[in-house]
Protein backbone atom coordinates (compact mmCIF):
# COMPACT_ATOMS: atom_id res chain seq x y z
CA UNK A 1 -9.77 16.96 -5.25
CA UNK A 2 -13.37 16.54 -6.33
CA UNK A 3 -15.30 17.44 -9.43
CA UNK A 4 -18.94 17.34 -10.45
CA UNK A 5 -20.57 14.04 -11.33
CA UNK A 6 -21.40 13.04 -14.88
CA UNK A 7 -21.96 10.10 -17.17
CA UNK A 8 -19.40 7.28 -17.33
CA UNK A 9 -17.49 8.56 -20.36
CA UNK A 10 -17.77 12.20 -19.30
CA UNK A 11 -16.36 11.39 -15.86
CA UNK A 12 -13.47 9.36 -17.28
CA UNK A 13 -12.72 12.17 -19.75
CA UNK A 14 -12.66 14.71 -16.90
CA UNK A 15 -10.28 12.54 -14.92
CA UNK A 16 -7.78 12.27 -17.79
CA UNK A 17 -8.06 16.00 -18.47
CA UNK A 18 -7.42 16.69 -14.77
CA UNK A 19 -4.27 14.53 -14.79
CA UNK A 20 -3.08 16.19 -18.01
CA UNK A 21 -3.53 19.68 -16.56
CA UNK A 22 -1.79 18.80 -13.28
CA UNK A 23 1.19 17.21 -15.04
CA UNK A 24 1.59 20.14 -17.44
CA UNK A 25 1.17 22.76 -14.74
CA UNK A 26 3.79 21.17 -12.49
CA UNK A 27 6.16 20.77 -15.45
CA UNK A 28 5.73 24.48 -16.24
CA UNK A 29 7.12 25.29 -12.77
CA UNK A 30 9.99 22.80 -12.98
CA UNK A 31 8.31 20.21 -10.79
CA UNK A 32 6.69 16.89 -11.46
CA UNK A 33 3.43 15.32 -10.32
CA UNK A 34 3.10 11.66 -9.63
CA UNK A 35 -0.13 9.75 -9.47
CA UNK A 36 1.52 6.79 -7.75
CA UNK A 37 -0.78 5.09 -5.23
CA UNK A 38 1.87 5.08 -2.47
CA UNK A 39 4.67 7.50 -3.34
CA UNK A 40 5.98 7.88 0.23
CA UNK A 41 6.51 4.93 2.56
CA UNK A 42 4.84 5.44 5.94
CA UNK A 43 2.47 8.15 4.70
CA UNK A 44 -1.10 7.95 3.42
CA UNK A 45 -1.38 6.94 -0.21
CA UNK A 46 -3.23 8.49 -3.12
CA UNK A 47 -6.62 6.94 -3.69
CA UNK A 48 -9.10 7.54 -6.45
CA UNK A 49 -12.32 6.93 -4.56
CA UNK A 50 -15.05 6.44 -7.11
CA UNK A 51 -18.67 7.38 -6.40
CA UNK A 52 -21.66 5.81 -8.15
CA UNK A 53 -25.36 6.48 -8.26
CA UNK A 54 -28.12 5.36 -10.59
CA UNK A 55 -30.94 7.57 -11.83
CA UNK A 56 -34.06 7.05 -13.92
CA UNK A 57 -35.85 10.05 -15.45
CA UNK A 58 -34.42 12.56 -12.98
CA UNK A 59 -35.12 10.27 -9.99
CA UNK A 60 -32.26 8.91 -7.81
CA UNK A 61 -32.62 5.14 -7.43
CA UNK A 62 -30.26 4.61 -4.48
CA UNK A 63 -32.36 6.55 -1.94
CA UNK A 64 -34.83 5.16 0.58
CA UNK A 65 -35.38 7.16 3.77
CA UNK A 66 -36.17 3.98 5.72
CA UNK A 67 -33.19 1.92 4.55
CA UNK A 68 -29.78 1.54 6.23
CA UNK A 69 -27.87 4.81 5.62
CA UNK A 70 -30.79 5.98 3.48
CA UNK A 71 -30.14 3.28 0.86
CA UNK A 72 -32.73 1.55 -1.27
CA UNK A 73 -32.84 -2.21 -1.78
CA UNK A 74 -31.56 -1.60 -5.32
CA UNK A 75 -28.47 0.14 -3.84
CA UNK A 76 -27.86 -2.86 -1.57
CA UNK A 77 -27.92 -5.18 -4.59
CA UNK A 78 -25.57 -2.81 -6.44
CA UNK A 79 -23.14 -2.92 -3.50
CA UNK A 80 -23.49 -6.71 -3.35
CA UNK A 81 -22.45 -6.91 -7.00
CA UNK A 82 -19.39 -4.73 -6.46
CA UNK A 83 -18.30 -6.71 -3.39
CA UNK A 84 -18.86 -10.01 -5.19
CA UNK A 85 -16.84 -8.92 -8.21
CA UNK A 86 -14.24 -6.90 -6.25
CA UNK A 87 -11.40 -9.42 -6.73
CA UNK A 88 -11.76 -9.04 -10.52
CA UNK A 89 -12.36 -5.28 -10.29
CA UNK A 90 -9.08 -4.88 -8.41
CA UNK A 91 -7.20 -5.84 -11.58
CA UNK A 92 -8.51 -2.56 -13.01
CA UNK A 93 -8.93 -0.46 -9.84
CA UNK A 94 -5.53 -1.22 -8.30
CA UNK A 95 -3.45 -2.23 -11.29
CA UNK A 96 0.14 -1.89 -10.10
CA UNK A 97 2.39 -3.43 -7.49
CA UNK A 98 2.52 -0.01 -5.85
CA UNK A 99 -1.29 -0.12 -5.56
CA UNK A 100 -1.04 -2.83 -2.93
CA UNK A 101 1.49 -0.85 -0.90
CA UNK A 102 -1.36 1.64 -0.41
CA UNK A 103 -3.95 -0.96 0.59
CA UNK A 104 -2.58 -1.67 4.07
CA UNK A 105 -4.14 -1.22 7.53
CA UNK A 106 -3.64 2.04 9.40
CA UNK A 107 -3.70 4.52 6.51
CA UNK A 108 -7.47 4.93 5.93
CA UNK A 109 -7.14 2.48 3.05
CA UNK A 110 -9.68 -0.32 2.68
CA UNK A 111 -8.30 -3.79 3.27
CA UNK A 112 -11.57 -5.73 3.69
CA UNK A 113 -14.45 -6.17 1.30
CA UNK A 114 -17.23 -4.76 3.48
CA UNK A 115 -19.53 -1.72 3.39
CA UNK A 116 -20.52 0.84 5.95
CA UNK A 117 -21.85 4.36 6.33
CA UNK A 118 -19.09 6.85 6.96
CA UNK A 119 -16.48 4.19 7.77
CA UNK A 120 -13.25 4.99 5.93
CA UNK A 121 -11.81 1.54 6.56
CA UNK A 122 -14.52 -0.18 4.48
CA UNK A 123 -14.04 -0.96 0.77
CA UNK A 124 -17.43 0.63 0.15
CA UNK A 125 -18.42 3.67 2.15
CA UNK A 126 -21.81 5.32 2.12
CA UNK A 127 -21.22 9.07 2.58
CA UNK A 128 -23.30 10.71 5.32
CA UNK A 129 -25.65 12.83 3.22
CA UNK A 130 -29.35 13.42 3.70
CA UNK A 131 -30.33 14.59 0.24
CA UNK A 132 -31.87 11.90 -2.00
CA UNK A 133 -29.99 13.44 -4.95
CA UNK A 134 -26.66 13.07 -3.14
CA UNK A 135 -27.17 9.44 -2.10
CA UNK A 136 -24.35 7.40 -3.58
CA UNK A 137 -21.91 4.55 -3.09
CA UNK A 138 -18.17 5.20 -2.74
CA UNK A 139 -15.77 2.43 -3.84
CA UNK A 140 -12.53 3.24 -1.99
CA UNK A 141 -10.04 0.75 -3.46
CA UNK A 142 -9.27 2.40 -6.83
CA UNK A 143 -6.13 4.46 -7.20
CA UNK A 144 -4.82 6.83 -9.89
CA UNK A 145 -3.18 4.01 -11.89
CA UNK A 146 -6.64 2.74 -12.86
CA UNK A 147 -7.84 3.18 -16.42
CA UNK A 148 -10.92 5.31 -15.69
CA UNK A 149 -12.88 4.05 -18.71
CA UNK A 150 -12.43 0.40 -17.72
CA UNK A 151 -13.03 1.21 -14.06
CA UNK A 152 -16.31 3.05 -14.62
CA UNK A 153 -17.77 0.38 -16.88
CA UNK A 154 -16.45 -2.40 -14.62
CA UNK A 155 -18.16 -0.89 -11.58
CA UNK A 156 -21.40 -0.43 -13.48
CA UNK A 157 -21.31 -4.00 -14.82
CA UNK A 158 -20.60 -5.42 -11.35
CA UNK A 159 -23.35 -3.31 -9.77
CA UNK A 160 -25.88 -4.22 -12.45
CA UNK A 161 -25.02 -7.90 -12.03
CA UNK A 162 -25.70 -7.49 -8.32
CA UNK A 163 -29.08 -5.95 -9.10
CA UNK A 164 -29.96 -8.61 -11.67
CA UNK A 165 -28.90 -11.52 -9.44
CA UNK A 166 -30.21 -9.99 -6.18
CA UNK A 167 -26.77 -10.15 -4.53
CA UNK A 168 -26.82 -8.83 -0.98
CA UNK A 169 -23.68 -7.29 0.53
CA UNK A 170 -24.08 -8.77 4.01
CA UNK A 171 -24.39 -6.69 7.15
CA UNK A 172 -22.67 -3.31 7.30
CA UNK A 173 -19.60 -3.03 9.52
CA UNK A 174 -19.82 -0.05 11.82
CA UNK A 175 -16.53 -0.54 13.70
CA UNK A 176 -13.23 0.83 12.44
CA UNK A 177 -11.80 -2.30 10.87
CA UNK A 178 -8.25 -1.15 11.58
CA UNK A 179 -8.89 -1.48 15.32
CA UNK A 180 -10.65 -4.87 15.42
CA UNK A 181 -8.98 -7.73 17.29
CA UNK A 182 -8.41 -11.07 15.51
CA UNK A 183 -11.32 -12.52 17.52
CA UNK A 184 -13.66 -9.72 16.36
CA UNK A 185 -12.62 -10.42 12.74
CA UNK A 186 -13.66 -14.05 13.14
CA UNK A 187 -16.90 -13.16 14.93
CA UNK A 188 -17.87 -10.83 12.06
CA UNK A 189 -16.89 -13.31 9.36
CA UNK A 190 -14.14 -11.12 7.96
C-alpha cells in the first residue's frame, strides 16, 4: 500500500491515520488487523519500506543522469550515512523481537547493509525510475512497529550526517544476496 510523498511530519501523520483507518475498518467487520512484522511463520513479512528524497527550491537533489542508477554524489553520501548509522537506526526501524523474525534470508527481506538498484535483497534499494522527480532512496529494513516520527527524523539525521561527513556507501551489490555463496560474501566484503 503506497501513498503520496510529503514532509516528514505529514508522512508520519498519514501513516498513523492509515493504521487507524485499517484497524477501525477491520473491527467494524468483526475482524482484526495486525501490523506485526512477521505474523505468519514461513511466509513473507510485513515491511514498511521508507523512501527518501531531498529537494531544494523545487529541484530534486538526488538525481544525476550520469551517476550509478541516476544518483547524484549527494545521494551517495546520504546512503553512506544511512548505512553507517543503520545499527542505531534499527532500534527505531525494527523495534520488536518479531521484527528480526522478518529480517531473514529468502523472504525478500534485507539482511545485509548494502545498496543496489532494483535489488530487493539490499537494505537500501534504488527504485528503477527515470524521472529526476521520482529519484529516491528506499530503506527496506523498517517495519510497521516503527514509530514513524522517530524513523523519519532518524533517517534524515543519518543521511545528513553522511552528506556532511562525505560518507560513501561502498560499491553497489548487483547480485541477489540471498543466492550468494559464502565465498562470494567474503570476496565482496559482506
